[in-house]
Amino acid sequence: MKFSPVTTRRIAIFRALQLGDMLCAVPAFRALRAAYPDAEITLLGLPWAASFCSRFSMYINRFIHFPGFPGLPEQPFNEVEWAKFVRQMRSEKFDLILQMQGNGNIVNAMLEDLQAGSVAGFHSEGNYRNDDLFLEYPTGISEIDRHLRLISHLGIPVLGNELEYPIMDIEKENLYSKHPFLLDGDCVCVHPGSRGAWRQWPPSHFALLADYCAGMGFKVVVTGTYEEASLTNHVIGLMKYPAIDLTGQTNLGEIGQLIKTASLLISNCTGVSHIASAVRTPSIVISMDGEPERWGPLNTDLHKTIDWTVEQDFEQVLSLTQHLLGLKGMAICS
């Protein structure tokens, strides 16, 4: 390994992104922990990711809030918070800072300027660094495999590309105490939201597919955040069959348990699609950003990713749904 476990005792991972992005990096985190079992590993991330660190405490020890930086779109930049962050980082004295954010534009120089420890990660044209520590940012491959390539480049053994999503017992108990009808099973989870309206499949299509599932005897459970209530209400309003609306009523652990026990997840290509991949629940994933090879689940037997930017064929989506539910040849009930 290019960084010896004997001398690499304090590691920081810079990945200030959202749930789906974080879950795709879990196989890399798993390999990192196995290679450095005694190291203190800290995530530099967005505020929500403190809960991610708690869920994946077997891989990550600490969390430090990254307050944003000019040119990074995930959160507004605050000069006062940035100054505090710089002071804290310089006091940490990390042995290694892994740049797992992106191609290195903006962030490589930012991390180096912190003077908080040796930096390794991705680089690309215009910001090339030492090839021994930096890997040219791969394109056209899965986000999961991209980070495993970086791990391998640093001489760290890879331990598989499977995703994980631990669910706590208290989260299971809370879900079923609030919604005991879910214990009966036979539900299909429909999650129509995503970050950005341009990444959302039309509500009418979600409603049609949900009606098909309901017509086959499945309970349809519609989920989303509080902020997505207008969208989920729109989908439910377009349905002919009744649906169970759990918008804003599930935290990340509870929705993980709901998806784990569901017969099928229907969603855009977003964080919940990676939860379904992790818990091995069949899924229909609509890719609206034209990057199915990057974000689609790796198991193409259990998960069907449809690139809607290439072929807008609802009948194909219906056929794949029938296949996953074991209902080939059935048609939508009028």
C-alpha atoms as a PDB file:
ATOM      1  CA  MET A   1       0.000   0.000   0.000  1.00  0.00           C
ATOM      2  CA  LYS A   2       1.228   3.481  -0.823  1.00  0.00           C
ATOM      3  CA  PHE A   3       0.327   4.706   2.666  1.00  0.00           C
ATOM      4  CA  SER A   4       1.588   2.331   5.350  1.00  0.00           C
ATOM      5  CA  PRO A   5      -0.953   1.270   8.011  1.00  0.00           C
ATOM      6  CA  VAL A   6       1.826   1.682  10.575  1.00  0.00           C
ATOM      7  CA  THR A   7       2.184   5.416   9.964  1.00  0.00           C
ATOM      8  CA  THR A   8      -1.257   6.234   8.552  1.00  0.00           C
ATOM      9  CA  ARG A   9      -3.271   6.634  11.721  1.00  0.00           C
ATOM     10  CA  ARG A  10      -5.581   9.537  10.878  1.00  0.00           C
ATOM     11  CA  ILE A  11      -7.453   9.536   7.564  1.00  0.00           C
ATOM     12  CA  ALA A  12      -9.971  12.057   6.229  1.00  0.00           C
ATOM     13  CA  ILE A  13     -12.379  11.366   3.358  1.00  0.00           C
ATOM     14  CA  PHE A  14     -13.674  14.389   1.467  1.00  0.00           C
ATOM     15  CA  ARG A  15     -17.059  13.553  -0.062  1.00  0.00           C
ATOM     16  CA  ALA A  16     -19.554  16.348   0.583  1.00  0.00           C
ATOM     17  CA  LEU A  17     -22.469  14.928  -1.430  1.00  0.00           C
ATOM     18  CA  GLN A  18     -25.931  13.385  -1.067  1.00  0.00           C
ATOM     19  CA  LEU A  19     -27.194   9.949  -0.011  1.00  0.00           C
ATOM     20  CA  GLY A  20     -26.891   8.123  -3.330  1.00  0.00           C
ATOM     21  CA  ASP A  21     -23.365   9.425  -3.869  1.00  0.00           C
ATOM     22  CA  MET A  22     -22.363   8.308  -0.375  1.00  0.00           C
ATOM     23  CA  LEU A  23     -23.840   4.820  -0.725  1.00  0.00           C
ATOM     24  CA  CYS A  24     -21.926   4.282  -3.968  1.00  0.00           C
ATOM     25  CA  ALA A  25     -18.690   4.899  -2.066  1.00  0.00           C
ATOM     26  CA  VAL A  26     -19.425   2.370   0.710  1.00  0.00           C
ATOM     27  CA  PRO A  27     -17.484  -0.500  -0.970  1.00  0.00           C
ATOM     28  CA  ALA A  28     -14.445   1.822  -1.041  1.00  0.00           C
ATOM     29  CA  PHE A  29     -14.995   2.715   2.632  1.00  0.00           C
ATOM     30  CA  ARG A  30     -15.190  -0.996   3.455  1.00  0.00           C
ATOM     31  CA  ALA A  31     -11.865  -1.681   1.769  1.00  0.00           C
ATOM     32  CA  LEU A  32     -10.279   1.336   3.440  1.00  0.00           C
ATOM     33  CA  ARG A  33     -11.318   0.199   6.913  1.00  0.00           C
ATOM     34  CA  ALA A  34     -10.035  -3.342   6.316  1.00  0.00           C
ATOM     35  CA  ALA A  35      -6.661  -1.971   5.177  1.00  0.00           C
ATOM     36  CA  TYR A  36      -6.413   0.476   8.089  1.00  0.00           C
ATOM     37  CA  PRO A  37      -8.224  -1.296  10.955  1.00  0.00           C
ATOM     38  CA  ASP A  38      -6.701   0.886  13.677  1.00  0.00           C
ATOM     39  CA  ALA A  39      -6.889   4.243  11.916  1.00  0.00           C
ATOM     40  CA  GLU A  40      -9.285   7.006  12.897  1.00  0.00           C
ATOM     41  CA  ILE A  41     -11.315   7.700   9.736  1.00  0.00           C
ATOM     42  CA  THR A  42     -13.143  11.035   9.468  1.00  0.00           C
ATOM     43  CA  LEU A  43     -15.715  12.059   6.865  1.00  0.00           C
ATOM     44  CA  LEU A  44     -15.717  15.669   5.655  1.00  0.00           C
ATOM     45  CA  GLY A  45     -19.278  16.045   4.405  1.00  0.00           C
ATOM     46  CA  LEU A  46     -22.596  17.884   4.229  1.00  0.00           C
ATOM     47  CA  PRO A  47     -24.575  18.368   7.475  1.00  0.00           C
ATOM     48  CA  TRP A  48     -26.987  15.477   6.826  1.00  0.00           C
ATOM     49  CA  ALA A  49     -24.041  13.044   6.597  1.00  0.00           C
ATOM     50  CA  ALA A  50     -23.509  13.037  10.365  1.00  0.00           C
ATOM     51  CA  SER A  51     -26.303  10.435  10.423  1.00  0.00           C
ATOM     52  CA  PHE A  52     -24.579   8.535   7.607  1.00  0.00           C
ATOM     53  CA  CYS A  53     -21.463   8.259   9.773  1.00  0.00           C
ATOM     54  CA  SER A  54     -23.561   6.878  12.640  1.00  0.00           C
ATOM     55  CA  ARG A  55     -25.113   4.278  10.325  1.00  0.00           C
ATOM     56  CA  PHE A  56     -21.708   3.277   8.983  1.00  0.00           C
ATOM     57  CA  SER A  57     -19.773   3.586  12.220  1.00  0.00           C
ATOM     58  CA  MET A  58     -18.002   0.302  11.421  1.00  0.00           C
ATOM     59  CA  TYR A  59     -16.156   2.188   8.677  1.00  0.00           C
ATOM     60  CA  ILE A  60     -16.158   5.844   9.785  1.00  0.00           C
ATOM     61  CA  ASN A  61     -15.246   7.128  13.253  1.00  0.00           C
ATOM     62  CA  ARG A  62     -15.882  10.850  13.055  1.00  0.00           C
ATOM     63  CA  PHE A  63     -17.709  13.532  11.106  1.00  0.00           C
ATOM     64  CA  ILE A  64     -16.615  17.086  10.324  1.00  0.00           C
ATOM     65  CA  HIS A  65     -19.053  19.432   8.608  1.00  0.00           C
ATOM     66  CA  PHE A  66     -17.632  20.814   5.368  1.00  0.00           C
ATOM     67  CA  PRO A  67     -19.149  24.317   5.085  1.00  0.00           C
ATOM     68  CA  GLY A  68     -18.996  24.730   1.319  1.00  0.00           C
ATOM     69  CA  PHE A  69     -16.598  26.437  -1.052  1.00  0.00           C
ATOM     70  CA  PRO A  70     -16.920  28.787  -4.069  1.00  0.00           C
ATOM     71  CA  GLY A  71     -17.766  26.813  -7.183  1.00  0.00           C
ATOM     72  CA  LEU A  72     -19.268  23.826  -5.354  1.00  0.00           C
ATOM     73  CA  PRO A  73     -23.061  23.780  -5.795  1.00  0.00           C
ATOM     74  CA  GLU A  74     -24.123  21.562  -2.881  1.00  0.00           C
ATOM     75  CA  GLN A  75     -24.452  24.382  -0.319  1.00  0.00           C
ATOM     76  CA  PRO A  76     -23.918  28.153  -0.054  1.00  0.00           C
ATOM     77  CA  PHE A  77     -20.452  29.413   0.849  1.00  0.00           C
ATOM     78  CA  ASN A  78     -20.052  31.125   4.222  1.00  0.00           C
ATOM     79  CA  GLU A  79     -16.730  32.881   4.821  1.00  0.00           C
ATOM     80  CA  VAL A  80     -17.008  32.774   8.612  1.00  0.00           C
ATOM     81  CA  GLU A  81     -17.741  29.043   8.664  1.00  0.00           C
ATOM     82  CA  TRP A  82     -14.984  28.431   6.130  1.00  0.00           C
ATOM     83  CA  ALA A  83     -12.432  30.187   8.334  1.00  0.00           C
ATOM     84  CA  LYS A  84     -13.463  27.984  11.283  1.00  0.00           C
ATOM     85  CA  PHE A  85     -13.181  24.889   9.096  1.00  0.00           C
ATOM     86  CA  VAL A  86      -9.674  25.850   7.960  1.00  0.00           C
ATOM     87  CA  ARG A  87      -8.527  26.340  11.543  1.00  0.00           C
ATOM     88  CA  GLN A  88      -9.959  23.001  12.603  1.00  0.00           C
ATOM     89  CA  MET A  89      -8.461  21.137   9.660  1.00  0.00           C
ATOM     90  CA  ARG A  90      -4.999  22.548  10.273  1.00  0.00           C
ATOM     91  CA  SER A  91      -5.198  21.442  13.887  1.00  0.00           C
ATOM     92  CA  GLU A  92      -6.186  17.886  12.936  1.00  0.00           C
ATOM     93  CA  LYS A  93      -2.879  16.898  11.277  1.00  0.00           C
ATOM     94  CA  PHE A  94      -4.243  14.084   9.102  1.00  0.00           C
ATOM     95  CA  ASP A  95      -1.828  11.526   7.670  1.00  0.00           C
ATOM     96  CA  LEU A  96      -3.968  11.178   4.544  1.00  0.00           C
ATOM     97  CA  ILE A  97      -6.842  13.143   2.991  1.00  0.00           C
ATOM     98  CA  LEU A  98      -8.700  11.198   0.279  1.00  0.00           C
ATOM     99  CA  GLN A  99     -10.288  13.384  -2.385  1.00  0.00           C
ATOM    100  CA  MET A 100     -13.361  11.338  -3.352  1.00  0.00           C
ATOM    101  CA  GLN A 101     -15.522  14.280  -4.432  1.00  0.00           C
ATOM    102  CA  GLY A 102     -14.934  14.384  -8.169  1.00  0.00           C
ATOM    103  CA  ASN A 103     -12.435  15.039 -10.940  1.00  0.00           C
ATOM    104  CA  GLY A 104     -10.296  17.405  -8.891  1.00  0.00           C
ATOM    105  CA  ASN A 105     -11.270  20.717 -10.427  1.00  0.00           C
ATOM    106  CA  ILE A 106     -11.529  23.214  -7.562  1.00  0.00           C
ATOM    107  CA  VAL A 107     -11.212  20.700  -4.726  1.00  0.00           C
ATOM    108  CA  ASN A 108      -7.646  19.433  -5.188  1.00  0.00           C
ATOM    109  CA  ALA A 109      -6.159  22.894  -4.742  1.00  0.00           C
ATOM    110  CA  MET A 110      -8.657  23.615  -1.971  1.00  0.00           C
ATOM    111  CA  LEU A 111      -7.595  20.556   0.027  1.00  0.00           C
ATOM    112  CA  GLU A 112      -3.901  21.183  -0.548  1.00  0.00           C
ATOM    113  CA  ASP A 113      -4.264  24.799   0.584  1.00  0.00           C
ATOM    114  CA  LEU A 114      -5.688  23.596   3.891  1.00  0.00           C
ATOM    115  CA  GLN A 115      -2.207  22.272   4.769  1.00  0.00           C
ATOM    116  CA  ALA A 116      -3.901  19.573   6.828  1.00  0.00           C
ATOM    117  CA  GLY A 117      -2.122  16.484   5.483  1.00  0.00           C
ATOM    118  CA  SER A 118      -1.093  14.575   2.356  1.00  0.00           C
ATOM    119  CA  VAL A 119      -3.797  14.560  -0.337  1.00  0.00           C
ATOM    120  CA  ALA A 120      -4.532  11.690  -2.734  1.00  0.00           C
ATOM    121  CA  GLY A 121      -7.485  11.074  -5.008  1.00  0.00           C
ATOM    122  CA  PHE A 122      -8.749  11.910  -8.478  1.00  0.00           C
ATOM    123  CA  HIS A 123      -7.271  14.397 -10.907  1.00  0.00           C
ATOM    124  CA  SER A 124      -8.002  15.373 -14.501  1.00  0.00           C
ATOM    125  CA  GLU A 125      -6.745  17.557 -17.331  1.00  0.00           C
ATOM    126  CA  GLY A 126      -5.910  21.012 -16.094  1.00  0.00           C
ATOM    127  CA  ASN A 127      -5.213  19.952 -12.504  1.00  0.00           C
ATOM    128  CA  TYR A 128      -2.890  16.969 -12.816  1.00  0.00           C
ATOM    129  CA  ARG A 129      -0.966  15.969  -9.708  1.00  0.00           C
ATOM    130  CA  ASN A 130       1.496  13.215  -8.762  1.00  0.00           C
ATOM    131  CA  ASP A 131       0.413  10.080 -10.687  1.00  0.00           C
ATOM    132  CA  ASP A 132       1.549   7.925  -7.810  1.00  0.00           C
ATOM    133  CA  LEU A 133      -1.115   9.372  -5.503  1.00  0.00           C
ATOM    134  CA  PHE A 134      -3.714  10.571  -7.991  1.00  0.00           C
ATOM    135  CA  LEU A 135      -5.780   8.613 -10.514  1.00  0.00           C
ATOM    136  CA  GLU A 136      -7.182  10.150 -13.678  1.00  0.00           C
ATOM    137  CA  TYR A 137     -10.921  10.519 -13.075  1.00  0.00           C
ATOM    138  CA  PRO A 138     -12.564   7.577 -14.898  1.00  0.00           C
ATOM    139  CA  THR A 139     -15.669   8.240 -16.995  1.00  0.00           C
ATOM    140  CA  GLY A 140     -18.282   5.956 -18.511  1.00  0.00           C
ATOM    141  CA  ILE A 141     -18.254   3.493 -15.589  1.00  0.00           C
ATOM    142  CA  SER A 142     -20.243   2.875 -12.420  1.00  0.00           C
ATOM    143  CA  GLU A 143     -19.760   5.336  -9.570  1.00  0.00           C
ATOM    144  CA  ILE A 144     -19.092   2.300  -7.374  1.00  0.00           C
ATOM    145  CA  ASP A 145     -16.305   0.986  -9.569  1.00  0.00           C
ATOM    146  CA  ARG A 146     -14.823   4.478  -9.989  1.00  0.00           C
ATOM    147  CA  HIS A 147     -13.989   4.684  -6.297  1.00  0.00           C
ATOM    148  CA  LEU A 148     -12.775   1.114  -6.156  1.00  0.00           C
ATOM    149  CA  ARG A 149     -10.324   1.962  -8.933  1.00  0.00           C
ATOM    150  CA  LEU A 150      -8.951   4.742  -6.749  1.00  0.00           C
ATOM    151  CA  ILE A 151      -8.645   2.355  -3.817  1.00  0.00           C
ATOM    152  CA  SER A 152      -6.782  -0.138  -6.011  1.00  0.00           C
ATOM    153  CA  HIS A 153      -4.550   2.629  -7.373  1.00  0.00           C
ATOM    154  CA  LEU A 154      -3.415   3.304  -3.810  1.00  0.00           C
ATOM    155  CA  GLY A 155      -2.587  -0.369  -3.332  1.00  0.00           C
ATOM    156  CA  ILE A 156      -5.549  -1.125  -1.080  1.00  0.00           C
ATOM    157  CA  PRO A 157      -7.211  -4.535  -1.641  1.00  0.00           C
ATOM    158  CA  VAL A 158     -10.835  -4.338  -2.818  1.00  0.00           C
ATOM    159  CA  LEU A 159     -13.425  -6.356  -0.877  1.00  0.00           C
ATOM    160  CA  GLY A 160     -16.223  -6.608  -3.431  1.00  0.00           C
ATOM    161  CA  ASN A 161     -18.525  -4.016  -4.971  1.00  0.00           C
ATOM    162  CA  GLU A 162     -21.693  -4.844  -3.023  1.00  0.00           C
ATOM    163  CA  LEU A 163     -23.561  -1.978  -1.399  1.00  0.00           C
ATOM    164  CA  GLU A 164     -24.676  -2.027   2.240  1.00  0.00           C
ATOM    165  CA  TYR A 165     -27.420  -0.316   4.206  1.00  0.00           C
ATOM    166  CA  PRO A 166     -27.511  -1.233   7.920  1.00  0.00           C
ATOM    167  CA  ILE A 167     -30.910  -0.809   9.580  1.00  0.00           C
ATOM    168  CA  MET A 168     -31.168  -0.514  13.354  1.00  0.00           C
ATOM    169  CA  ASP A 169     -33.678  -2.551  15.349  1.00  0.00           C
ATOM    170  CA  ILE A 170     -35.216   0.622  16.766  1.00  0.00           C
ATOM    171  CA  GLU A 171     -35.843   1.870  13.216  1.00  0.00           C
ATOM    172  CA  LYS A 172     -37.699  -1.332  12.359  1.00  0.00           C
ATOM    173  CA  GLU A 173     -39.731  -1.098  15.563  1.00  0.00           C
ATOM    174  CA  ASN A 174     -40.616   2.542  14.921  1.00  0.00           C
ATOM    175  CA  LEU A 175     -41.745   1.832  11.369  1.00  0.00           C
ATOM    176  CA  TYR A 176     -44.102  -0.971  12.356  1.00  0.00           C
ATOM    177  CA  SER A 177     -45.410   0.754  15.473  1.00  0.00           C
ATOM    178  CA  LYS A 178     -46.424   3.751  13.350  1.00  0.00           C
ATOM    179  CA  HIS A 179     -47.593   1.725  10.344  1.00  0.00           C
ATOM    180  CA  PRO A 180     -48.550  -1.812  11.485  1.00  0.00           C
ATOM    181  CA  PHE A 181     -50.264  -2.581   8.166  1.00  0.00           C
ATOM    182  CA  LEU A 182     -46.793  -2.869   6.625  1.00  0.00           C
ATOM    183  CA  LEU A 183     -46.250  -6.105   8.551  1.00  0.00           C
ATOM    184  CA  ASP A 184     -48.614  -7.812   6.108  1.00  0.00           C
ATOM    185  CA  GLY A 185     -46.094  -7.428   3.280  1.00  0.00           C
ATOM    186  CA  ASP A 186     -47.040  -7.520  -0.420  1.00  0.00           C
ATOM    187  CA  CYS A 187     -46.372  -3.829  -0.930  1.00  0.00           C
ATOM    188  CA  VAL A 188     -44.796  -1.904  -3.776  1.00  0.00           C
ATOM    189  CA  CYS A 189     -42.929   1.253  -2.809  1.00  0.00           C
ATOM    190  CA  VAL A 190     -43.288   4.177  -5.230  1.00  0.00           C
ATOM    191  CA  HIS A 191     -40.863   7.055  -4.714  1.00  0.00           C
ATOM    192  CA  PRO A 192     -41.423   9.705  -7.423  1.00  0.00           C
ATOM    193  CA  GLY A 193     -39.145  12.447  -6.066  1.00  0.00           C
ATOM    194  CA  SER A 194     -35.530  13.364  -6.764  1.00  0.00           C
ATOM    195  CA  ARG A 195     -33.242  16.357  -6.439  1.00  0.00           C
ATOM    196  CA  GLY A 196     -34.317  18.617  -9.293  1.00  0.00           C
ATOM    197  CA  ALA A 197     -37.569  18.437 -11.254  1.00  0.00           C
ATOM    198  CA  TRP A 198     -35.631  17.684 -14.438  1.00  0.00           C
ATOM    199  CA  ARG A 199     -34.646  14.317 -12.927  1.00  0.00           C
ATOM    200  CA  GLN A 200     -38.251  13.268 -12.238  1.00  0.00           C
ATOM    201  CA  TRP A 201     -40.240  10.838 -14.353  1.00  0.00           C
ATOM    202  CA  PRO A 202     -43.697  12.264 -15.175  1.00  0.00           C
ATOM    203  CA  PRO A 203     -46.211  11.810 -12.307  1.00  0.00           C
ATOM    204  CA  SER A 204     -48.728  10.316 -14.755  1.00  0.00           C
ATOM    205  CA  HIS A 205     -46.288   7.493 -15.528  1.00  0.00           C
ATOM    206  CA  PHE A 206     -45.689   6.764 -11.852  1.00  0.00           C
ATOM    207  CA  ALA A 207     -49.463   6.696 -11.349  1.00  0.00           C
ATOM    208  CA  LEU A 208     -50.040   4.276 -14.244  1.00  0.00           C
ATOM    209  CA  LEU A 209     -47.368   1.890 -13.023  1.00  0.00           C
ATOM    210  CA  ALA A 210     -48.627   2.131  -9.446  1.00  0.00           C
ATOM    211  CA  ASP A 211     -52.175   1.354 -10.631  1.00  0.00           C
ATOM    212  CA  TYR A 212     -50.897  -1.729 -12.432  1.00  0.00           C
ATOM    213  CA  CYS A 213     -49.291  -2.988  -9.226  1.00  0.00           C
ATOM    214  CA  ALA A 214     -52.408  -2.197  -7.194  1.00  0.00           C
ATOM    215  CA  GLY A 215     -54.543  -4.013  -9.730  1.00  0.00           C
ATOM    216  CA  MET A 216     -52.419  -7.115  -9.173  1.00  0.00           C
ATOM    217  CA  GLY A 217     -53.222  -7.029  -5.466  1.00  0.00           C
ATOM    218  CA  PHE A 218     -50.197  -5.180  -4.081  1.00  0.00           C
ATOM    219  CA  LYS A 219     -50.491  -2.387  -1.540  1.00  0.00           C
ATOM    220  CA  VAL A 220     -48.991   0.730  -3.103  1.00  0.00           C
ATOM    221  CA  VAL A 221     -47.016   2.847  -0.644  1.00  0.00           C
ATOM    222  CA  VAL A 222     -45.963   6.279  -1.884  1.00  0.00           C
ATOM    223  CA  THR A 223     -42.956   7.841  -0.151  1.00  0.00           C
ATOM    224  CA  GLY A 224     -41.046  11.098  -0.267  1.00  0.00           C
ATOM    225  CA  THR A 225     -39.789  13.965   1.862  1.00  0.00           C
ATOM    226  CA  TYR A 226     -41.989  16.717   3.299  1.00  0.00           C
ATOM    227  CA  GLU A 227     -40.735  18.976   0.517  1.00  0.00           C
ATOM    228  CA  GLU A 228     -42.015  16.505  -2.089  1.00  0.00           C
ATOM    229  CA  ALA A 229     -45.603  16.448  -0.806  1.00  0.00           C
ATOM    230  CA  SER A 230     -47.031  18.308  -3.802  1.00  0.00           C
ATOM    231  CA  LEU A 231     -45.436  15.774  -6.138  1.00  0.00           C
ATOM    232  CA  THR A 232     -46.549  12.682  -4.205  1.00  0.00           C
ATOM    233  CA  ASN A 233     -50.059  14.147  -3.859  1.00  0.00           C
ATOM    234  CA  HIS A 234     -50.100  14.666  -7.621  1.00  0.00           C
ATOM    235  CA  VAL A 235     -49.172  11.026  -8.267  1.00  0.00           C
ATOM    236  CA  ILE A 236     -51.781   9.728  -5.814  1.00  0.00           C
ATOM    237  CA  GLY A 237     -54.403  12.063  -7.291  1.00  0.00           C
ATOM    238  CA  LEU A 238     -53.817  10.587 -10.755  1.00  0.00           C
ATOM    239  CA  MET A 239     -54.234   6.998  -9.569  1.00  0.00           C
ATOM    240  CA  LYS A 240     -57.453   5.009 -10.009  1.00  0.00           C
ATOM    241  CA  TYR A 241     -56.644   2.752  -7.055  1.00  0.00           C
ATOM    242  CA  PRO A 242     -56.097   3.976  -3.495  1.00  0.00           C
ATOM    243  CA  ALA A 243     -52.530   4.338  -2.279  1.00  0.00           C
ATOM    244  CA  ILE A 244     -50.961   4.685   1.161  1.00  0.00           C
ATOM    245  CA  ASP A 245     -49.267   8.058   1.509  1.00  0.00           C
ATOM    246  CA  LEU A 246     -46.185   8.013   3.758  1.00  0.00           C
ATOM    247  CA  THR A 247     -44.748  11.283   2.475  1.00  0.00           C
ATOM    248  CA  GLY A 248     -42.593  12.845   5.184  1.00  0.00           C
ATOM    249  CA  GLN A 249     -43.370  10.025   7.625  1.00  0.00           C
ATOM    250  CA  THR A 250     -40.219   7.898   7.316  1.00  0.00           C
ATOM    251  CA  ASN A 251     -36.645   8.668   8.272  1.00  0.00           C
ATOM    252  CA  LEU A 252     -33.734   7.124   6.386  1.00  0.00           C
ATOM    253  CA  GLY A 253     -33.696   3.970   8.508  1.00  0.00           C
ATOM    254  CA  GLU A 254     -37.441   3.466   8.308  1.00  0.00           C
ATOM    255  CA  ILE A 255     -37.577   3.903   4.560  1.00  0.00           C
ATOM    256  CA  GLY A 256     -34.687   1.446   4.343  1.00  0.00           C
ATOM    257  CA  GLN A 257     -36.753  -1.164   6.199  1.00  0.00           C
ATOM    258  CA  LEU A 258     -39.810  -0.380   4.077  1.00  0.00           C
ATOM    259  CA  ILE A 259     -37.832  -0.904   0.875  1.00  0.00           C
ATOM    260  CA  LYS A 260     -36.163  -4.033   2.269  1.00  0.00           C
ATOM    261  CA  THR A 261     -39.515  -5.745   2.832  1.00  0.00           C
ATOM    262  CA  ALA A 262     -41.211  -4.423  -0.320  1.00  0.00           C
ATOM    263  CA  SER A 263     -41.820  -6.623  -3.342  1.00  0.00           C
ATOM    264  CA  LEU A 264     -40.627  -3.844  -5.642  1.00  0.00           C
ATOM    265  CA  LEU A 265     -39.335  -0.258  -5.624  1.00  0.00           C
ATOM    266  CA  ILE A 266     -40.279   2.119  -8.432  1.00  0.00           C
ATOM    267  CA  SER A 267     -38.219   5.306  -8.442  1.00  0.00           C
ATOM    268  CA  ASN A 268     -36.094   7.750 -10.332  1.00  0.00           C
ATOM    269  CA  CYS A 269     -32.346   7.160 -10.253  1.00  0.00           C
ATOM    270  CA  THR A 270     -31.807   8.597  -6.783  1.00  0.00           C
ATOM    271  CA  GLY A 271     -30.766   7.652  -3.252  1.00  0.00           C
ATOM    272  CA  VAL A 272     -33.559   5.147  -2.642  1.00  0.00           C
ATOM    273  CA  SER A 273     -32.538   3.170  -5.732  1.00  0.00           C
ATOM    274  CA  HIS A 274     -29.168   2.544  -4.075  1.00  0.00           C
ATOM    275  CA  ILE A 275     -30.928   1.497  -0.862  1.00  0.00           C
ATOM    276  CA  ALA A 276     -32.877  -1.077  -2.903  1.00  0.00           C
ATOM    277  CA  SER A 277     -29.612  -2.304  -4.388  1.00  0.00           C
ATOM    278  CA  ALA A 278     -28.081  -2.603  -0.917  1.00  0.00           C
ATOM    279  CA  VAL A 279     -31.013  -4.518   0.611  1.00  0.00           C
ATOM    280  CA  ARG A 280     -31.576  -6.669  -2.523  1.00  0.00           C
ATOM    281  CA  THR A 281     -35.115  -5.510  -3.294  1.00  0.00           C
ATOM    282  CA  PRO A 282     -36.061  -5.655  -6.994  1.00  0.00           C
ATOM    283  CA  SER A 283     -36.423  -2.205  -8.517  1.00  0.00           C
ATOM    284  CA  ILE A 284     -37.489  -0.238 -11.540  1.00  0.00           C
ATOM    285  CA  VAL A 285     -35.129   2.733 -11.855  1.00  0.00           C
ATOM    286  CA  ILE A 286     -35.841   5.534 -14.309  1.00  0.00           C
ATOM    287  CA  SER A 287     -32.693   7.381 -15.357  1.00  0.00           C
ATOM    288  CA  MET A 288     -33.516  10.948 -16.356  1.00  0.00           C
ATOM    289  CA  ASP A 289     -29.956  12.319 -16.418  1.00  0.00           C
ATOM    290  CA  GLY A 290     -28.545  10.184 -19.235  1.00  0.00           C
ATOM    291  CA  GLU A 291     -25.993   8.394 -17.029  1.00  0.00           C
ATOM    292  CA  PRO A 292     -27.475   4.939 -16.335  1.00  0.00           C
ATOM    293  CA  GLU A 293     -24.046   3.329 -16.586  1.00  0.00           C
ATOM    294  CA  ARG A 294     -22.864   5.581 -13.758  1.00  0.00           C
ATOM    295  CA  TRP A 295     -25.774   5.461 -11.340  1.00  0.00           C
ATOM    296  CA  GLY A 296     -27.749   2.337 -12.193  1.00  0.00           C
ATOM    297  CA  PRO A 297     -27.526  -0.696  -9.840  1.00  0.00           C
ATOM    298  CA  LEU A 298     -24.884  -3.226 -10.857  1.00  0.00           C
ATOM    299  CA  ASN A 299     -27.184  -6.267 -10.572  1.00  0.00           C
ATOM    300  CA  THR A 300     -29.119  -5.978 -13.824  1.00  0.00           C
ATOM    301  CA  ASP A 301     -31.176  -9.104 -13.134  1.00  0.00           C
ATOM    302  CA  LEU A 302     -32.680  -7.750  -9.916  1.00  0.00           C
ATOM    303  CA  HIS A 303     -32.791  -4.097 -10.955  1.00  0.00           C
ATOM    304  CA  LYS A 304     -33.945  -2.695 -14.289  1.00  0.00           C
ATOM    305  CA  THR A 305     -32.585   0.745 -15.154  1.00  0.00           C
ATOM    306  CA  ILE A 306     -34.344   2.530 -18.020  1.00  0.00           C
ATOM    307  CA  ASP A 307     -32.576   5.402 -19.785  1.00  0.00           C
ATOM    308  CA  TRP A 308     -35.552   7.663 -20.440  1.00  0.00           C
ATOM    309  CA  THR A 309     -33.363  10.142 -22.334  1.00  0.00           C
ATOM    310  CA  VAL A 310     -32.799   7.511 -25.037  1.00  0.00           C
ATOM    311  CA  GLU A 311     -36.096   5.620 -25.269  1.00  0.00           C
ATOM    312  CA  GLN A 312     -39.339   6.900 -23.792  1.00  0.00           C
ATOM    313  CA  ASP A 313     -41.283   3.653 -23.946  1.00  0.00           C
ATOM    314  CA  PHE A 314     -43.770   3.125 -21.121  1.00  0.00           C
ATOM    315  CA  GLU A 315     -44.696  -0.341 -22.421  1.00  0.00           C
ATOM    316  CA  GLN A 316     -41.073  -1.403 -21.938  1.00  0.00           C
ATOM    317  CA  VAL A 317     -41.170  -0.185 -18.340  1.00  0.00           C
ATOM    318  CA  LEU A 318     -44.435  -2.055 -17.783  1.00  0.00           C
ATOM    319  CA  SER A 319     -42.978  -5.234 -19.249  1.00  0.00           C
ATOM    320  CA  LEU A 320     -39.955  -5.015 -16.955  1.00  0.00           C
ATOM    321  CA  THR A 321     -42.270  -4.456 -13.988  1.00  0.00           C
ATOM    322  CA  GLN A 322     -44.257  -7.540 -14.933  1.00  0.00           C
ATOM    323  CA  HIS A 323     -41.024  -9.502 -15.187  1.00  0.00           C
ATOM    324  CA  LEU A 324     -39.797  -8.428 -11.758  1.00  0.00           C
ATOM    325  CA  LEU A 325     -43.142  -9.219 -10.157  1.00  0.00           C
ATOM    326  CA  GLY A 326     -43.348 -12.557 -11.946  1.00  0.00           C
ATOM    327  CA  LEU A 327     -46.383 -11.396 -13.899  1.00  0.00           C
ATOM    328  CA  LYS A 328     -45.292 -11.679 -17.531  1.00  0.00           C
ATOM    329  CA  GLY A 329     -47.941 -11.251 -20.134  1.00  0.00           C
ATOM    330  CA  MET A 330     -50.393  -9.415 -17.884  1.00  0.00           C
ATOM    331  CA  ALA A 331     -51.918  -6.134 -19.009  1.00  0.00           C
ATOM    332  CA  ILE A 332     -53.045  -3.066 -17.120  1.00  0.00           C
ATOM    333  CA  CYS A 333     -56.582  -3.527 -15.831  1.00  0.00           C
ATOM    334  CA  SER A 334     -58.925  -0.891 -17.144  1.00  0.00           C
END
